[in-house]
Protein backbone atom coordinates (compact mmCIF):
# COMPACT_ATOMS: atom_id res chain seq x y z
CA UNK A 1 -0.05 -0.15 -0.04
CA UNK A 2 1.39 3.25 -0.96
CA UNK A 3 0.29 6.97 0.07
CA UNK A 4 -1.79 7.49 -3.30
CA UNK A 5 -3.87 4.51 -2.14
CA UNK A 6 -5.11 6.03 1.07
CA UNK A 7 -5.03 9.67 0.10
CA UNK A 8 -8.05 11.53 -1.29
CA UNK A 9 -8.44 12.90 -4.70
CA UNK A 10 -7.02 11.91 -7.75
CA UNK A 11 -3.86 9.57 -7.86
CA UNK A 12 -2.14 12.24 -10.00
CA UNK A 13 -2.80 15.00 -7.45
CA UNK A 14 -1.67 13.20 -4.42
CA UNK A 15 2.03 14.27 -4.75
CA UNK A 16 1.02 17.89 -5.44
CA UNK A 17 -1.01 18.02 -2.19
CA UNK A 18 1.83 16.73 -0.27
CA UNK A 19 4.13 19.11 -1.84
CA UNK A 20 1.82 22.14 -1.10
CA UNK A 21 1.20 21.12 2.49
CA UNK A 22 5.12 20.64 2.90
CA UNK A 23 5.92 23.98 1.25
CA UNK A 24 3.25 25.84 3.35
CA UNK A 25 4.77 24.23 6.57
CA UNK A 26 8.41 24.43 5.99
CA UNK A 27 9.50 26.36 2.89
CA UNK A 28 8.18 27.34 -0.69
CA UNK A 29 11.21 25.77 -2.22
CA UNK A 30 10.33 22.38 -0.65
CA UNK A 31 7.53 22.05 -3.22
CA UNK A 32 9.93 21.01 -6.05
CA UNK A 33 11.82 18.66 -3.64
CA UNK A 34 8.56 16.68 -2.87
CA UNK A 35 7.47 16.55 -6.43
CA UNK A 36 10.94 14.93 -7.49
CA UNK A 37 10.20 12.06 -4.96
CA UNK A 38 8.84 8.66 -5.81
CA UNK A 39 5.45 7.50 -4.40
CA UNK A 40 7.40 4.58 -2.64
CA UNK A 41 9.78 7.29 -0.87
CA UNK A 42 6.86 8.58 1.18
CA UNK A 43 6.59 7.37 4.71
CA UNK A 44 3.11 7.70 6.18
CA UNK A 45 0.43 6.59 8.78
CA UNK A 46 -3.23 6.96 8.97
CA UNK A 47 -5.13 8.84 11.77
CA UNK A 48 -8.59 8.69 12.65
CA UNK A 49 -10.82 11.27 10.96
CA UNK A 50 -9.67 10.60 7.35
CA UNK A 51 -5.97 11.93 7.83
CA UNK A 52 -3.00 10.83 6.35
CA UNK A 53 0.22 11.90 8.05
CA UNK A 54 3.24 12.20 5.74
CA UNK A 55 6.63 11.97 7.61
CA UNK A 56 9.83 13.37 6.66
CA UNK A 57 12.94 12.29 8.25
CA UNK A 58 15.21 14.10 10.82
CA UNK A 59 17.27 15.36 8.25
CA UNK A 60 14.82 16.23 5.36
CA UNK A 61 14.74 18.65 2.52
CA UNK A 62 16.28 21.87 2.64
CA UNK A 63 18.44 21.56 5.76
CA UNK A 64 15.34 20.84 7.97
CA UNK A 65 16.56 19.57 11.38
CA UNK A 66 13.95 17.53 13.15
CA UNK A 67 10.97 15.67 12.05
CA UNK A 68 8.65 17.23 9.79
CA UNK A 69 5.02 15.93 9.25
CA UNK A 70 2.25 17.06 7.01
CA UNK A 71 -1.32 16.16 7.12
CA UNK A 72 -3.54 15.61 4.07
CA UNK A 73 -7.05 14.35 3.41
CA UNK A 74 -7.57 10.51 3.37
CA UNK A 75 -10.00 8.12 2.13
CA UNK A 76 -10.38 5.85 5.07
């Protein structure tokens, strides 16, 4: 199961939704970083209330230190 299987919306828009949420939370430059990622690279978990939480590691994009998580709408 990959993130596009549990996130709401069209499969083609899931990565855009993640990139938009990431760029709003951390940096606008993060949008292109996320768009270059493969769907299999995303680590996520599902929260109650139809939320999908996408996690970026402690040394993520653009020199972010510490864990960064973004929430998007889910199907489940």
